[in-house]
Protein backbone atom coordinates (compact mmCIF):
# COMPACT_ATOMS: atom_id res chain seq x y z
CA MET A 1 -79.59 -16.67 -211.27
CA LEU A 2 -78.29 -20.25 -211.12
CA ASN A 3 -75.76 -19.66 -213.89
CA ALA A 4 -74.66 -16.37 -212.36
CA TYR A 5 -74.05 -17.99 -209.01
CA ARG A 6 -72.15 -20.92 -210.55
CA ASN A 7 -69.93 -18.46 -212.39
CA GLN A 8 -69.32 -16.68 -209.10
CA ILE A 9 -68.26 -19.98 -207.50
CA ASN A 10 -66.03 -21.07 -210.37
CA SER A 11 -64.23 -17.71 -210.53
CA ARG A 12 -62.70 -18.04 -207.07
CA SER A 13 -58.94 -18.37 -207.36
CA ILE A 14 -56.48 -20.27 -205.20
CA PHE A 15 -54.81 -16.97 -204.30
CA LYS A 16 -58.06 -15.62 -202.91
CA LEU A 17 -58.59 -18.80 -200.88
CA ILE A 18 -55.11 -18.52 -199.37
CA ASN A 19 -55.65 -14.81 -198.70
CA VAL A 20 -58.91 -15.40 -196.86
CA SER A 21 -57.43 -18.34 -194.94
CA MET A 22 -54.56 -16.20 -193.70
CA LEU A 23 -56.95 -13.46 -192.59
CA LYS A 24 -58.78 -16.06 -190.51
CA LEU A 25 -55.67 -17.77 -189.16
CA ILE A 26 -53.73 -14.67 -188.11
CA PRO A 27 -56.00 -13.61 -185.19
CA ILE A 28 -56.52 -17.20 -184.01
CA VAL A 29 -52.86 -18.18 -184.08
CA GLY A 30 -51.93 -14.76 -182.72
CA MET A 31 -54.23 -15.19 -179.74
CA PHE A 32 -52.81 -18.68 -179.16
CA LEU A 33 -49.28 -17.26 -178.99
CA VAL A 34 -50.39 -14.36 -176.78
CA ASN A 35 -52.10 -16.75 -174.34
CA ILE A 36 -48.88 -18.78 -174.09
CA TYR A 37 -46.99 -15.53 -173.45
CA ILE A 38 -49.49 -14.48 -170.77
CA ALA A 39 -49.09 -17.87 -169.08
CA LYS A 40 -45.36 -17.24 -168.86
CA ILE A 41 -45.46 -13.72 -167.43
CA VAL A 42 -48.40 -13.87 -164.97
CA GLY A 43 -47.61 -17.23 -163.38
CA LEU A 44 -49.67 -20.38 -163.01
CA ASN A 45 -52.00 -19.17 -160.22
CA LEU A 46 -53.21 -16.02 -161.99
CA TYR A 47 -53.26 -17.78 -165.35
CA GLY A 48 -55.63 -20.31 -163.81
CA GLU A 49 -58.07 -17.48 -162.99
CA TYR A 50 -57.55 -16.05 -166.47
CA SER A 51 -58.35 -19.45 -168.00
CA VAL A 52 -61.70 -19.57 -166.20
CA ALA A 53 -62.51 -16.00 -167.33
CA ILE A 54 -61.61 -16.80 -170.96
CA GLY A 55 -63.66 -20.01 -170.79
CA ILE A 56 -66.74 -18.10 -169.62
CA GLN A 57 -66.21 -15.43 -172.30
CA LEU A 58 -65.90 -17.98 -175.11
CA PHE A 59 -68.81 -19.96 -173.71
CA PHE A 60 -71.30 -17.09 -173.72
CA GLY A 61 -70.07 -15.26 -176.84
CA PRO A 62 -71.67 -17.61 -179.42
CA VAL A 63 -74.73 -18.13 -177.19
CA LEU A 64 -75.42 -14.37 -177.06
CA ALA A 65 -75.34 -14.28 -180.87
CA PHE A 66 -78.69 -16.13 -180.60
CA GLY A 67 -78.22 -18.13 -183.79
CA VAL A 68 -78.23 -14.97 -185.92
CA PRO A 69 -74.96 -15.78 -187.79
CA GLU A 70 -76.30 -19.20 -188.77
CA ILE A 71 -79.63 -17.70 -189.89
CA ILE A 72 -77.85 -15.09 -192.01
CA LEU A 73 -75.65 -17.68 -193.74
CA ARG A 74 -78.62 -19.91 -194.45
CA LYS A 75 -80.73 -17.03 -195.81
CA ALA A 76 -77.88 -15.78 -198.01
CA SER A 77 -78.44 -18.59 -200.49
CA THR A 78 -82.24 -18.21 -200.61
CA TYR A 79 -82.75 -14.48 -201.23
CA SER A 80 -82.93 -13.47 -204.87
CA PHE A 81 -80.30 -11.04 -206.12
CA ARG A 82 -82.95 -8.35 -206.54
CA ASN A 83 -84.09 -8.50 -202.92
CA GLN A 84 -80.71 -9.11 -201.27
CA SER A 85 -80.01 -5.56 -200.15
CA ARG A 86 -83.41 -4.83 -198.58
CA GLU A 87 -84.00 -8.20 -196.95
CA SER A 88 -80.43 -8.67 -195.73
CA SER A 89 -80.37 -5.20 -194.12
CA ARG A 90 -83.59 -5.93 -192.26
CA LEU A 91 -82.28 -9.31 -191.11
CA LEU A 92 -79.01 -7.71 -189.94
CA ALA A 93 -80.95 -5.04 -188.04
CA ARG A 94 -83.16 -7.62 -186.31
CA GLY A 95 -80.17 -9.76 -185.48
CA LEU A 96 -78.14 -6.95 -183.94
CA MET A 97 -81.12 -5.74 -181.91
CA ILE A 98 -81.65 -9.26 -180.53
CA VAL A 99 -77.94 -9.52 -179.70
CA ALA A 100 -78.04 -6.10 -178.03
CA ILE A 101 -80.96 -7.11 -175.80
CA GLY A 102 -79.29 -10.39 -174.86
CA SER A 103 -75.98 -8.63 -174.16
CA LEU A 104 -77.72 -6.07 -171.92
CA LEU A 105 -79.32 -8.86 -169.88
CA TYR A 106 -75.98 -10.70 -169.70
CA SER A 107 -74.16 -7.56 -168.49
CA THR A 108 -76.85 -6.82 -165.92
CA VAL A 109 -76.72 -10.32 -164.45
CA LEU A 110 -72.91 -10.20 -164.36
CA ALA A 111 -72.96 -6.85 -162.57
CA ILE A 112 -75.39 -8.20 -159.96
CA PHE A 113 -73.25 -11.31 -159.41
CA TRP A 114 -70.09 -9.23 -159.09
CA ALA A 115 -71.68 -6.73 -156.68
CA SER A 116 -73.00 -9.56 -154.49
CA GLY A 117 -69.62 -11.30 -154.41
CA LEU A 118 -70.74 -14.41 -156.28
CA ILE A 119 -68.02 -13.82 -158.90
CA LYS A 120 -64.57 -13.37 -157.39
CA ASN A 121 -62.40 -13.77 -160.46
CA HIS A 122 -59.45 -11.37 -160.75
CA TYR A 123 -60.16 -10.99 -164.48
CA PHE A 124 -63.85 -10.11 -164.31
CA PRO A 125 -63.58 -7.53 -167.19
CA VAL A 126 -62.53 -10.39 -169.50
CA ILE A 127 -65.83 -12.16 -168.75
CA PHE A 128 -67.70 -8.91 -169.37
CA CYS A 129 -66.41 -8.75 -172.99
CA ALA A 130 -68.35 -11.77 -174.31
CA PRO A 131 -70.84 -9.58 -176.29
CA ALA A 132 -67.97 -8.42 -178.52
CA ILE A 133 -67.62 -11.98 -179.81
CA SER A 134 -71.36 -12.09 -180.58
CA VAL A 135 -71.34 -8.85 -182.58
CA CYS A 136 -68.23 -9.91 -184.50
CA LEU A 137 -69.83 -13.25 -185.40
CA VAL A 138 -72.98 -11.53 -186.68
CA ALA A 139 -70.97 -8.99 -188.65
CA ALA A 140 -68.75 -11.66 -190.19
CA ALA A 141 -71.74 -13.78 -191.23
CA TYR A 142 -73.41 -10.77 -192.89
CA LEU A 143 -70.30 -9.82 -194.84
CA ARG A 144 -69.68 -13.40 -195.87
CA GLY A 145 -73.24 -13.72 -197.12
CA TRP A 146 -73.64 -10.43 -198.96
CA GLY A 147 -70.33 -8.60 -198.96
CA SER A 148 -66.59 -9.15 -198.91
CA VAL A 149 -65.33 -12.52 -197.73
CA GLN A 150 -61.95 -11.01 -196.83
CA LEU A 151 -63.55 -8.28 -194.74
CA SER A 152 -65.75 -10.86 -193.00
CA GLN A 153 -62.66 -12.72 -191.79
CA PHE A 154 -61.20 -9.49 -190.43
CA MET A 155 -64.48 -8.65 -188.68
CA GLU A 156 -64.74 -12.09 -187.11
CA GLY A 157 -61.21 -11.79 -185.75
CA SER A 158 -61.34 -8.06 -184.98
CA PHE A 159 -61.89 -8.53 -181.23
CA ARG A 160 -58.90 -10.89 -181.07
CA ILE A 161 -56.80 -8.59 -183.27
CA PHE A 162 -57.44 -5.56 -181.08
CA ALA A 163 -56.79 -7.63 -177.93
CA ILE A 164 -53.45 -8.82 -179.34
CA ILE A 165 -52.43 -5.28 -180.31
CA LEU A 166 -53.28 -3.96 -176.84
CA LEU A 167 -52.07 -6.85 -174.68
CA LEU A 168 -48.47 -6.86 -175.84
CA PRO A 169 -47.56 -3.17 -175.22
CA LEU A 170 -49.62 -3.00 -172.03
CA SER A 171 -47.83 -6.06 -170.65
CA VAL A 172 -44.58 -4.10 -170.90
CA ALA A 173 -46.02 -0.89 -169.45
CA PHE A 174 -47.58 -2.54 -166.36
CA THR A 175 -45.68 -4.37 -163.64
CA ASP A 176 -48.64 -6.53 -162.59
CA SER A 177 -51.31 -8.55 -164.39
CA ASP A 178 -53.89 -5.74 -164.53
CA PHE A 179 -52.92 -5.03 -168.15
CA ILE A 180 -55.30 -7.86 -169.10
CA ASN A 181 -58.25 -6.08 -167.47
CA ILE A 182 -57.42 -2.93 -169.42
CA ALA A 183 -56.73 -4.54 -172.79
CA TYR A 184 -59.94 -6.56 -173.17
CA PRO A 185 -62.43 -3.71 -172.51
CA LEU A 186 -60.47 -1.50 -174.90
CA ALA A 187 -60.59 -4.27 -177.50
CA LEU A 188 -64.35 -4.51 -176.92
CA VAL A 189 -64.78 -0.78 -177.63
CA CYS A 190 -62.61 -0.98 -180.77
CA ALA A 191 -64.46 -4.02 -182.15
CA LEU A 192 -67.90 -2.50 -181.53
CA GLY A 193 -66.77 0.81 -183.04
CA LEU A 194 -65.57 -0.96 -186.18
CA ALA A 195 -68.86 -2.85 -186.46
CA ALA A 196 -70.87 0.37 -186.04
CA TYR A 197 -68.83 2.10 -188.74
CA GLN A 198 -69.08 -0.82 -191.14
CA PHE A 199 -72.84 -1.24 -190.82
CA ALA A 200 -74.03 2.36 -190.57
CA THR A 201 -75.16 2.27 -194.22
CA PRO A 202 -77.04 -1.09 -194.33
CA LEU A 203 -78.72 -0.35 -190.98
CA LYS A 204 -79.89 3.11 -192.02
CA GLY A 205 -83.67 3.03 -192.03
CA SER A 206 -83.84 -0.71 -191.26
CA LEU A 207 -84.04 -0.39 -187.47
CA SER A 208 -87.32 1.54 -187.64
CA ARG A 209 -89.03 -0.76 -190.15
CA GLN A 210 -89.19 -3.95 -188.15
CA LYS A 211 -92.33 -5.91 -187.43
CA ILE A 212 -93.00 -7.82 -184.22
CA LEU A 213 -93.87 -10.94 -186.22
CA ALA A 214 -90.48 -10.81 -187.98
CA PHE A 215 -88.74 -10.59 -184.60
CA LYS A 216 -90.66 -13.59 -183.31
CA ARG A 217 -89.80 -15.57 -186.43
CA THR A 218 -86.10 -14.71 -186.13
CA ILE A 219 -86.07 -15.67 -182.44
CA LEU A 220 -87.83 -18.98 -183.12
CA ASN A 221 -85.44 -19.75 -185.98
CA GLY A 222 -82.51 -18.97 -183.72
CA LEU A 223 -83.56 -21.13 -180.76
CA PRO A 224 -82.18 -24.43 -182.18
CA PHE A 225 -78.84 -22.74 -182.85
CA VAL A 226 -78.81 -21.27 -179.34
CA SER A 227 -79.27 -24.73 -177.88
CA ILE A 228 -76.51 -26.12 -180.10
CA ASN A 229 -74.09 -23.32 -179.15
CA LEU A 230 -74.99 -23.72 -175.49
CA LEU A 231 -74.39 -27.46 -175.64
CA GLN A 232 -71.18 -27.02 -177.61
CA GLY A 233 -70.00 -24.51 -175.01
CA ILE A 234 -70.64 -27.03 -172.25
CA LYS A 235 -68.95 -29.73 -174.32
CA ASN A 236 -65.91 -27.55 -175.08
CA PHE A 237 -65.47 -25.84 -171.71
CA GLY A 238 -67.31 -28.09 -169.25
CA ASP A 239 -64.12 -30.04 -168.60
CA LEU A 240 -62.23 -26.81 -167.90
CA PHE A 241 -64.82 -25.72 -165.36
CA LEU A 242 -64.89 -29.17 -163.73
CA VAL A 243 -61.09 -29.19 -163.46
CA GLY A 244 -61.21 -25.78 -161.78
CA PHE A 245 -63.99 -26.90 -159.43
CA PHE A 246 -62.43 -30.21 -158.36
CA LEU A 247 -58.69 -29.48 -158.65
CA GLY A 248 -58.29 -25.70 -158.39
CA THR A 249 -57.36 -22.85 -160.70
CA ASN A 250 -53.76 -24.00 -161.18
CA ASP A 251 -54.90 -27.17 -162.91
CA SER A 252 -57.47 -25.25 -164.95
CA GLY A 253 -54.62 -23.08 -166.26
CA ILE A 254 -52.67 -26.18 -167.31
CA TYR A 255 -55.79 -27.61 -168.94
CA LEU A 256 -56.46 -24.40 -170.90
CA ILE A 257 -52.98 -24.46 -172.41
CA GLY A 258 -53.58 -28.08 -173.41
CA MET A 259 -56.83 -26.99 -175.05
CA GLN A 260 -54.97 -24.25 -176.93
CA PHE A 261 -52.67 -26.84 -178.49
CA ALA A 262 -55.63 -29.06 -179.37
CA LEU A 263 -57.42 -26.17 -181.09
CA LEU A 264 -54.43 -25.73 -183.40
CA VAL A 265 -55.44 -29.02 -185.01
CA ALA A 266 -58.95 -27.71 -185.72
CA PHE A 267 -57.89 -24.39 -187.30
CA PRO A 268 -57.81 -25.54 -190.97
CA GLN A 269 -61.24 -27.17 -190.72
CA MET A 270 -62.68 -24.04 -189.08
CA VAL A 271 -61.20 -21.78 -191.75
CA LEU A 272 -62.11 -23.85 -194.80
CA THR A 273 -65.62 -24.63 -193.59
CA ILE A 274 -66.35 -20.95 -193.02
CA ILE A 275 -64.98 -20.05 -196.46
CA PHE A 276 -67.03 -22.73 -198.23
CA SER A 277 -70.17 -22.43 -196.06
CA ARG A 278 -72.20 -20.48 -198.63
CA ARG A 279 -71.11 -22.80 -201.42
CA MET A 280 -72.01 -25.90 -199.38
CA SER A 281 -75.38 -24.39 -198.57
CA TRP A 282 -76.02 -23.85 -202.29
CA TYR A 283 -75.07 -27.43 -203.13
CA ILE A 284 -77.44 -28.76 -200.46
CA LYS A 285 -80.35 -26.65 -201.72
CA GLN A 286 -79.68 -27.68 -205.33
CA ASN A 287 -79.26 -31.35 -204.26
CA GLU A 288 -75.76 -31.44 -205.76
CA LEU A 289 -74.56 -33.93 -203.17
CA LEU A 290 -71.54 -35.17 -205.10
CA LYS A 291 -70.10 -31.65 -205.13
CA LEU A 292 -70.91 -31.30 -201.42
CA THR A 293 -69.06 -34.56 -200.71
CA ARG A 294 -66.11 -33.39 -202.79
CA ASP A 295 -65.78 -30.18 -200.77
CA THR A 296 -66.13 -31.89 -197.39
CA ARG A 297 -63.49 -34.47 -198.35
CA MET A 298 -61.11 -31.73 -199.44
CA VAL A 299 -61.61 -29.89 -196.13
CA THR A 300 -61.05 -33.13 -194.21
CA LEU A 301 -57.88 -34.03 -196.12
CA VAL A 302 -56.26 -30.63 -195.57
CA SER A 303 -57.29 -30.59 -191.91
CA VAL A 304 -56.02 -34.10 -191.15
CA THR A 305 -52.70 -33.39 -192.88
CA PHE A 306 -52.15 -30.23 -190.87
CA GLY A 307 -53.32 -31.88 -187.65
CA SER A 308 -50.97 -34.82 -188.12
CA PHE A 309 -47.98 -32.49 -188.43
CA CYS A 310 -49.10 -30.69 -185.24
CA PHE A 311 -49.41 -34.00 -183.38
CA LEU A 312 -45.99 -35.24 -184.52
CA GLY A 313 -44.38 -31.92 -183.62
CA LEU A 314 -45.92 -31.96 -180.15
CA LEU A 315 -44.96 -35.60 -179.66
CA ALA A 316 -41.34 -35.00 -180.65
CA PHE A 317 -40.59 -31.64 -179.03
CA GLY A 318 -43.38 -30.78 -176.58
CA SER A 319 -41.96 -32.52 -173.49
CA ARG A 320 -38.80 -30.37 -173.67
CA LEU A 321 -40.00 -27.07 -175.15
CA ILE A 322 -43.10 -26.47 -173.01
CA PRO A 323 -41.40 -26.54 -169.57
CA ALA A 324 -38.30 -24.85 -171.02
CA TYR A 325 -40.36 -21.81 -172.10
CA LEU A 326 -43.16 -21.69 -169.54
CA GLY A 327 -41.31 -23.07 -166.52
CA GLN A 328 -41.47 -26.26 -164.49
CA ASP A 329 -44.90 -25.33 -163.06
CA TYR A 330 -46.33 -26.09 -166.49
CA GLU A 331 -44.65 -29.47 -166.90
CA GLY A 332 -48.02 -31.26 -166.79
CA VAL A 333 -49.19 -29.47 -169.94
CA TYR A 334 -47.43 -31.92 -172.27
CA MET A 335 -49.42 -35.08 -171.52
CA VAL A 336 -52.72 -33.18 -171.25
CA ALA A 337 -52.10 -31.51 -174.62
CA LEU A 338 -51.11 -34.80 -176.21
CA LEU A 339 -54.35 -36.51 -175.16
CA LEU A 340 -56.50 -33.55 -176.21
CA VAL A 341 -54.78 -33.33 -179.60
CA VAL A 342 -55.48 -37.03 -180.26
CA GLY A 343 -59.20 -36.48 -179.62
CA ARG A 344 -59.30 -33.35 -181.76
CA LEU A 345 -57.47 -35.11 -184.61
CA ALA A 346 -60.03 -37.95 -184.53
CA HIS A 347 -62.81 -35.34 -184.62
CA VAL A 348 -61.26 -33.54 -187.60
CA ALA A 349 -60.84 -36.84 -189.47
CA MET A 350 -64.64 -37.31 -189.44
CA GLY A 351 -65.19 -34.11 -191.45
CA PRO A 352 -67.12 -30.83 -190.87
CA ASN A 353 -70.39 -32.63 -190.14
CA MET A 354 -71.86 -30.17 -187.63
CA GLN A 355 -71.62 -27.34 -190.15
CA VAL A 356 -73.15 -29.48 -192.91
CA LEU A 357 -76.12 -30.38 -190.70
CA ALA A 358 -76.67 -26.73 -189.80
CA LEU A 359 -76.54 -25.65 -193.44
CA ALA A 360 -79.00 -28.43 -194.34
CA ASN A 361 -81.47 -27.22 -191.69
CA GLN A 362 -80.94 -30.42 -189.69
CA GLN A 363 -79.65 -28.68 -186.57
CA SER A 364 -82.31 -30.28 -184.37
CA TYR A 365 -80.75 -33.71 -184.95
CA ALA A 366 -77.31 -32.30 -184.26
CA ALA A 367 -78.66 -30.82 -181.02
CA ARG A 368 -80.01 -34.19 -179.88
CA ILE A 369 -76.66 -35.86 -180.49
CA THR A 370 -74.84 -33.04 -178.71
CA VAL A 371 -77.15 -33.31 -175.68
CA TRP A 372 -76.39 -36.97 -175.10
CA VAL A 373 -72.66 -36.62 -175.77
CA THR A 374 -72.41 -33.56 -173.50
CA ILE A 375 -74.21 -35.26 -170.62
CA SER A 376 -72.09 -38.39 -171.03
CA ASN A 377 -68.89 -36.34 -171.17
CA MET A 378 -69.72 -34.36 -168.02
CA VAL A 379 -70.54 -37.52 -166.04
CA LEU A 380 -67.50 -39.41 -167.33
CA SER A 381 -65.25 -36.41 -166.78
CA ALA A 382 -66.38 -36.00 -163.16
CA ILE A 383 -65.72 -39.71 -162.50
CA LEU A 384 -62.32 -39.78 -164.20
CA ILE A 385 -61.17 -36.52 -162.57
CA SER A 386 -61.85 -38.04 -159.16
CA LEU A 387 -59.80 -41.12 -160.16
CA LEU A 388 -57.04 -39.77 -162.43
CA GLY A 389 -57.00 -36.03 -161.80
CA ILE A 390 -56.45 -33.69 -164.73
CA MET A 391 -55.56 -36.60 -167.03
CA GLY A 392 -59.06 -37.99 -166.48
CA ALA A 393 -60.57 -34.81 -167.91
CA ALA A 394 -58.35 -35.06 -171.01
CA ILE A 395 -59.26 -38.72 -171.57
CA SER A 396 -62.98 -38.00 -171.19
CA ASN A 397 -62.75 -35.07 -173.61
CA SER A 398 -60.98 -37.11 -176.29
CA LEU A 399 -63.41 -40.02 -176.04
CA SER A 400 -66.53 -37.84 -176.11
CA LEU A 401 -65.20 -35.71 -178.98
CA THR A 402 -64.54 -38.82 -181.08
CA ALA A 403 -67.97 -40.29 -180.31
CA TRP A 404 -69.67 -36.96 -181.07
CA ALA A 405 -67.94 -36.65 -184.46
CA ALA A 406 -68.81 -40.25 -185.40
CA LEU A 407 -72.49 -39.78 -184.56
CA LEU A 408 -72.62 -36.51 -186.52
CA LYS A 409 -71.02 -38.20 -189.53
CA LEU A 410 -73.66 -40.95 -189.39
CA SER A 411 -76.40 -38.32 -189.19
CA VAL A 412 -75.01 -36.48 -192.25
CA ALA A 413 -74.90 -39.74 -194.22
CA ARG A 414 -78.53 -40.55 -193.45
CA ARG A 415 -80.21 -37.14 -193.45
CA VAL A 416 -78.19 -35.10 -195.94
CA LEU A 417 -76.52 -37.57 -198.30
CA LYS A 418 -79.52 -39.95 -198.08
CA VAL A 419 -77.40 -43.05 -197.63
CA ASN A 420 -79.39 -46.24 -196.87
CA ARG A 421 -82.73 -44.47 -197.19
């Protein structure tokens, strides 16, 4: 089995790597461009409400996955080839049932909040679509572990792809901003339909052969990942929510666009880490730490190179191009984006340490670090927002992101690479 798996790793070509990377990048970059387009056509006030809705959607999407994608990727390198089909189908069935239960509770609570008037966002249907992200993440993890890597990238981006396809023509057909509330639910239906079609065969017979003990074990294994995703959601979007709370939705719209530019820097690391996740997991389990270090350094080098070009481009042209395209209302985006990109670039330069800790079953240590950094960031952000406004949130985000990455890197060195132990 070891030789067979090594042959599988060594047979991967550069063309296949580029192909998979493009499949991952297209929906992410496409959604970035569509969000910039939406900001232009709906105006700053409505885009501020849209930014809050998107933040809530992206916050709860990974949380509702309940750690199932991470469990699937970790199990993919432990099942024997003989038992892959049976065990993986059962794990997929348990995972999707857990996600379905969590999504039903999420939808019920949202409906109660909306009916009681506690949620007054114009783009409530966007918030309602968070479960689509969860299902796509589970589906992509399953395909990456036991099926086609290319198809897994398409599945992970399917919700974004369908949203892009629907948003652009609907924006022309409608004279107001309600096209957003139509496009996202339709994208949800398309993404769930694709997942149901893709997994009809592996799920056949698996849903009725589950044991309560297996469900409990899956839930317990997923709890650390739920806490990490929850904390990462607060870390990633807590500033956005604080800006909206203290400064209003207009500033939250400006902050979201700045976040979109910052996320461009992280795209290569996200793509390459996902592609190499199974390989990294194998290296960790076989204690081949030199090969693990080689892969993480390669990911870091490519990511930093790309991020540096993004930073230099924003520095040179952002102050003129952003207000020229979006309008003078968005003039404040430039400095916010610049600060957020600096923090994201520092984070990328530290390497994909969170993913390495998760693959090494050290997620509890990552969660502890994330707790302290998240709390510190929220407190510092609230203080700096009151003193410096929206720039205070950007400064706090950059500082906390850099500190978080440095602490994770130290944890990887001590607990995975066994440095100074």
